[in-house]
Amino acid sequence: MTLDPQRDTPAILRNYVPAFNPNFLGLYADADVTKQLIRDFKVSYEKIPGKTPTSYTIDHSVYTYVFDARGRLRLLMAPTEPTEQKLEDLRALAAGT
């Protein structure tokens, strides 16, 4: 999801997102919807000025959101969480426990 819909247009995202993984999808919305998604997903972010007004970056929280087949959020995994714990949580979710 872009946190900067004014800069990160759908055309830019079409080229940027697959650079991480060709199977990834990017989420784009207008500024109002983006603000609501930021609140809903509890994203924290900060605009970091660059050398020019257009060369800024955006630092942001990084979580993995795991949803079940009904679209319910089931896991929120932090990058600092040990891999074994993530695997245990995913196995439990897959097993229905």
N, C-alpha and C. Protein backbone atom coordinates (compact mmCIF):
# COMPACT_ATOMS: atom_id res chain seq x y z
N MET A 1 0.85 -1.17 0.00
CA MET A 1 0.00 0.00 0.00
C MET A 1 0.89 1.23 0.00
N THR A 2 0.62 2.14 -0.88
CA THR A 2 1.36 3.38 -0.85
C THR A 2 0.86 4.27 0.28
N LEU A 3 1.78 4.96 0.91
CA LEU A 3 1.43 5.95 1.92
C LEU A 3 1.44 7.35 1.33
N ASP A 4 1.74 7.42 0.05
CA ASP A 4 1.91 8.70 -0.63
C ASP A 4 1.22 8.67 -2.00
N PRO A 5 -0.12 8.69 -2.03
CA PRO A 5 -0.82 8.54 -3.30
C PRO A 5 -0.60 9.69 -4.29
N GLN A 6 -0.16 10.85 -3.78
CA GLN A 6 0.12 11.94 -4.71
C GLN A 6 1.35 11.64 -5.56
N ARG A 7 2.35 11.02 -4.98
CA ARG A 7 3.59 10.71 -5.69
C ARG A 7 3.53 9.32 -6.33
N ASP A 8 3.03 8.34 -5.58
CA ASP A 8 3.05 6.95 -6.04
C ASP A 8 1.79 6.64 -6.83
N THR A 9 1.78 7.03 -8.06
CA THR A 9 0.62 6.80 -8.92
C THR A 9 0.51 5.32 -9.28
N PRO A 10 -0.64 4.88 -9.77
CA PRO A 10 -0.76 3.47 -10.20
C PRO A 10 0.31 3.08 -11.22
N ALA A 11 0.65 3.98 -12.14
CA ALA A 11 1.69 3.66 -13.14
C ALA A 11 3.04 3.43 -12.47
N ILE A 12 3.38 4.25 -11.50
CA ILE A 12 4.65 4.07 -10.79
C ILE A 12 4.63 2.76 -10.00
N LEU A 13 3.52 2.48 -9.33
CA LEU A 13 3.42 1.26 -8.54
C LEU A 13 3.51 0.01 -9.41
N ARG A 14 2.98 0.06 -10.64
CA ARG A 14 3.05 -1.09 -11.55
C ARG A 14 4.50 -1.48 -11.83
N ASN A 15 5.40 -0.53 -11.81
CA ASN A 15 6.81 -0.82 -12.04
C ASN A 15 7.57 -1.09 -10.74
N TYR A 16 7.17 -0.45 -9.67
CA TYR A 16 7.89 -0.53 -8.40
C TYR A 16 7.62 -1.83 -7.64
N VAL A 17 6.36 -2.17 -7.48
CA VAL A 17 5.98 -3.31 -6.63
C VAL A 17 6.57 -4.63 -7.13
N PRO A 18 6.50 -4.95 -8.42
CA PRO A 18 7.06 -6.24 -8.87
C PRO A 18 8.57 -6.37 -8.69
N ALA A 19 9.25 -5.26 -8.44
CA ALA A 19 10.70 -5.34 -8.19
C ALA A 19 10.99 -6.12 -6.91
N PHE A 20 10.04 -6.14 -5.97
CA PHE A 20 10.18 -6.91 -4.74
C PHE A 20 9.88 -8.38 -5.00
N ASN A 21 8.80 -8.62 -5.72
CA ASN A 21 8.40 -9.97 -6.07
C ASN A 21 7.34 -9.84 -7.17
N PRO A 22 7.48 -10.56 -8.27
CA PRO A 22 6.52 -10.41 -9.37
C PRO A 22 5.09 -10.81 -9.00
N ASN A 23 4.91 -11.53 -7.90
CA ASN A 23 3.57 -11.93 -7.47
C ASN A 23 2.91 -10.92 -6.53
N PHE A 24 3.66 -9.91 -6.09
CA PHE A 24 3.10 -8.92 -5.17
C PHE A 24 2.13 -8.02 -5.91
N LEU A 25 1.12 -7.58 -5.17
CA LEU A 25 0.16 -6.61 -5.68
C LEU A 25 0.29 -5.34 -4.86
N GLY A 26 0.16 -4.20 -5.52
CA GLY A 26 0.20 -2.92 -4.82
C GLY A 26 -1.21 -2.41 -4.58
N LEU A 27 -1.39 -1.68 -3.51
CA LEU A 27 -2.69 -1.11 -3.19
C LEU A 27 -2.59 0.40 -3.35
N TYR A 28 -3.49 0.96 -4.14
CA TYR A 28 -3.53 2.40 -4.36
C TYR A 28 -4.92 2.91 -4.05
N ALA A 29 -5.00 4.04 -3.38
CA ALA A 29 -6.27 4.70 -3.11
C ALA A 29 -6.02 6.20 -3.05
N ASP A 30 -7.09 6.97 -3.09
CA ASP A 30 -6.92 8.41 -2.98
C ASP A 30 -6.50 8.76 -1.54
N ALA A 31 -6.19 10.03 -1.31
CA ALA A 31 -5.65 10.45 -0.02
C ALA A 31 -6.59 10.14 1.15
N ASP A 32 -7.89 10.35 0.98
CA ASP A 32 -8.83 10.11 2.08
C ASP A 32 -8.91 8.64 2.45
N VAL A 33 -8.99 7.78 1.45
CA VAL A 33 -9.05 6.33 1.71
C VAL A 33 -7.72 5.86 2.30
N THR A 34 -6.62 6.39 1.79
CA THR A 34 -5.31 6.03 2.31
C THR A 34 -5.22 6.38 3.80
N LYS A 35 -5.69 7.55 4.20
CA LYS A 35 -5.68 7.93 5.61
C LYS A 35 -6.49 6.95 6.45
N GLN A 36 -7.63 6.51 5.94
CA GLN A 36 -8.46 5.55 6.68
C GLN A 36 -7.75 4.20 6.80
N LEU A 37 -7.12 3.74 5.73
CA LEU A 37 -6.38 2.47 5.78
C LEU A 37 -5.21 2.54 6.75
N ILE A 38 -4.54 3.69 6.79
CA ILE A 38 -3.44 3.88 7.74
C ILE A 38 -3.96 3.71 9.16
N ARG A 39 -5.12 4.28 9.44
CA ARG A 39 -5.72 4.13 10.78
C ARG A 39 -6.13 2.68 11.03
N ASP A 40 -6.83 2.09 10.05
CA ASP A 40 -7.34 0.73 10.22
C ASP A 40 -6.23 -0.30 10.45
N PHE A 41 -5.13 -0.13 9.73
CA PHE A 41 -4.03 -1.10 9.81
C PHE A 41 -2.95 -0.67 10.80
N LYS A 42 -3.21 0.43 11.49
CA LYS A 42 -2.30 0.90 12.54
C LYS A 42 -0.87 1.08 12.03
N VAL A 43 -0.76 1.71 10.88
CA VAL A 43 0.54 1.97 10.27
C VAL A 43 1.09 3.26 10.84
N SER A 44 2.34 3.22 11.22
CA SER A 44 3.02 4.46 11.62
C SER A 44 3.99 4.83 10.51
N TYR A 45 4.12 6.12 10.26
CA TYR A 45 5.02 6.55 9.20
C TYR A 45 5.49 7.97 9.44
N GLU A 46 6.57 8.32 8.75
CA GLU A 46 7.13 9.65 8.86
C GLU A 46 7.78 10.01 7.52
N LYS A 47 7.48 11.19 7.03
CA LYS A 47 8.10 11.70 5.81
C LYS A 47 9.47 12.26 6.18
N ILE A 48 10.51 11.74 5.52
CA ILE A 48 11.88 12.15 5.79
C ILE A 48 12.35 13.04 4.63
N PRO A 49 12.62 14.32 4.91
CA PRO A 49 13.04 15.22 3.82
C PRO A 49 14.34 14.76 3.17
N GLY A 50 14.43 14.98 1.87
CA GLY A 50 15.65 14.69 1.13
C GLY A 50 16.37 15.99 0.80
N LYS A 51 17.29 15.90 -0.15
CA LYS A 51 18.06 17.09 -0.54
C LYS A 51 17.23 18.08 -1.35
N THR A 52 16.18 17.57 -1.97
CA THR A 52 15.27 18.44 -2.73
C THR A 52 13.84 18.15 -2.26
N PRO A 53 12.90 19.02 -2.56
CA PRO A 53 11.52 18.79 -2.11
C PRO A 53 10.89 17.51 -2.65
N THR A 54 11.37 17.01 -3.78
CA THR A 54 10.77 15.81 -4.36
C THR A 54 11.59 14.54 -4.08
N SER A 55 12.68 14.65 -3.33
CA SER A 55 13.52 13.47 -3.10
C SER A 55 13.35 12.89 -1.70
N TYR A 56 12.22 13.14 -1.09
CA TYR A 56 11.96 12.63 0.25
C TYR A 56 11.71 11.12 0.24
N THR A 57 11.81 10.52 1.40
CA THR A 57 11.44 9.12 1.59
C THR A 57 10.40 9.05 2.69
N ILE A 58 9.78 7.90 2.80
CA ILE A 58 8.80 7.70 3.86
C ILE A 58 9.20 6.45 4.64
N ASP A 59 9.57 6.66 5.90
CA ASP A 59 9.83 5.54 6.80
C ASP A 59 8.49 5.07 7.34
N HIS A 60 8.33 3.76 7.48
CA HIS A 60 7.04 3.23 7.93
C HIS A 60 7.21 1.92 8.67
N SER A 61 6.20 1.59 9.43
CA SER A 61 6.19 0.31 10.13
C SER A 61 6.11 -0.82 9.11
N VAL A 62 6.60 -1.98 9.54
CA VAL A 62 6.63 -3.13 8.63
C VAL A 62 6.08 -4.35 9.37
N TYR A 63 4.89 -4.75 8.98
CA TYR A 63 4.26 -5.93 9.56
C TYR A 63 3.77 -6.83 8.45
N THR A 64 3.61 -8.10 8.76
CA THR A 64 2.97 -9.04 7.86
C THR A 64 1.59 -9.32 8.43
N TYR A 65 0.58 -9.04 7.63
CA TYR A 65 -0.81 -9.27 8.02
C TYR A 65 -1.26 -10.58 7.40
N VAL A 66 -1.78 -11.49 8.21
CA VAL A 66 -2.23 -12.79 7.72
C VAL A 66 -3.75 -12.85 7.92
N PHE A 67 -4.46 -13.04 6.82
CA PHE A 67 -5.92 -13.10 6.84
C PHE A 67 -6.38 -14.52 6.58
N ASP A 68 -7.53 -14.89 7.13
CA ASP A 68 -8.08 -16.21 6.84
C ASP A 68 -8.93 -16.13 5.56
N ALA A 69 -9.52 -17.24 5.20
CA ALA A 69 -10.29 -17.33 3.95
C ALA A 69 -11.52 -16.42 3.96
N ARG A 70 -11.97 -16.02 5.15
CA ARG A 70 -13.13 -15.13 5.26
C ARG A 70 -12.73 -13.65 5.27
N GLY A 71 -11.42 -13.39 5.14
CA GLY A 71 -10.96 -12.01 5.12
C GLY A 71 -10.73 -11.41 6.49
N ARG A 72 -10.73 -12.24 7.54
CA ARG A 72 -10.51 -11.75 8.90
C ARG A 72 -9.02 -11.74 9.21
N LEU A 73 -8.56 -10.66 9.82
CA LEU A 73 -7.16 -10.60 10.24
C LEU A 73 -6.94 -11.61 11.36
N ARG A 74 -6.00 -12.51 11.16
CA ARG A 74 -5.75 -13.55 12.16
C ARG A 74 -4.39 -13.41 12.82
N LEU A 75 -3.40 -12.93 12.07
CA LEU A 75 -2.06 -12.76 12.63
C LEU A 75 -1.48 -11.43 12.20
N LEU A 76 -0.77 -10.80 13.09
CA LEU A 76 0.01 -9.61 12.79
C LEU A 76 1.42 -9.92 13.25
N MET A 77 2.31 -10.09 12.29
CA MET A 77 3.67 -10.53 12.60
C MET A 77 4.66 -9.40 12.39
N ALA A 78 5.46 -9.15 13.41
CA ALA A 78 6.51 -8.14 13.34
C ALA A 78 7.78 -8.75 12.74
N PRO A 79 8.56 -7.95 12.06
CA PRO A 79 9.79 -8.49 11.47
C PRO A 79 10.79 -8.96 12.52
N THR A 80 10.67 -8.48 13.73
CA THR A 80 11.58 -8.89 14.81
C THR A 80 11.16 -10.19 15.48
N GLU A 81 9.96 -10.67 15.16
CA GLU A 81 9.48 -11.92 15.75
C GLU A 81 10.31 -13.08 15.20
N PRO A 82 10.75 -13.99 16.05
CA PRO A 82 11.57 -15.11 15.57
C PRO A 82 10.83 -15.94 14.51
N THR A 83 11.57 -16.41 13.54
CA THR A 83 10.99 -17.19 12.45
C THR A 83 10.25 -18.41 12.96
N GLU A 84 10.80 -19.09 13.95
CA GLU A 84 10.14 -20.27 14.49
C GLU A 84 8.76 -19.92 15.07
N GLN A 85 8.65 -18.77 15.71
CA GLN A 85 7.36 -18.35 16.27
C GLN A 85 6.37 -18.08 15.14
N LYS A 86 6.84 -17.43 14.08
CA LYS A 86 5.97 -17.17 12.93
C LYS A 86 5.47 -18.48 12.33
N LEU A 87 6.38 -19.44 12.17
CA LEU A 87 6.00 -20.74 11.61
C LEU A 87 5.01 -21.46 12.51
N GLU A 88 5.24 -21.41 13.81
CA GLU A 88 4.32 -22.04 14.76
C GLU A 88 2.92 -21.42 14.65
N ASP A 89 2.87 -20.10 14.59
CA ASP A 89 1.58 -19.40 14.47
C ASP A 89 0.88 -19.76 13.16
N LEU A 90 1.63 -19.79 12.06
CA LEU A 90 1.04 -20.14 10.76
C LEU A 90 0.55 -21.58 10.74
N ARG A 91 1.31 -22.49 11.32
CA ARG A 91 0.87 -23.89 11.39
C ARG A 91 -0.41 -24.02 12.20
N ALA A 92 -0.47 -23.32 13.33
CA ALA A 92 -1.67 -23.37 14.17
C ALA A 92 -2.87 -22.81 13.42
N LEU A 93 -2.68 -21.74 12.70
CA LEU A 93 -3.76 -21.15 11.92
C LEU A 93 -4.21 -22.12 10.83
N ALA A 94 -3.27 -22.72 10.14
CA ALA A 94 -3.60 -23.66 9.07
C ALA A 94 -4.31 -24.89 9.62
N ALA A 95 -3.97 -25.29 10.84
CA ALA A 95 -4.59 -26.46 11.45
C ALA A 95 -5.96 -26.12 12.05
N GLY A 96 -6.28 -24.86 12.10
CA GLY A 96 -7.57 -24.46 12.65
C GLY A 96 -7.60 -24.33 14.14
N THR A 97 -6.45 -24.19 14.76
CA THR A 97 -6.41 -24.05 16.22
C THR A 97 -6.19 -22.63 16.63
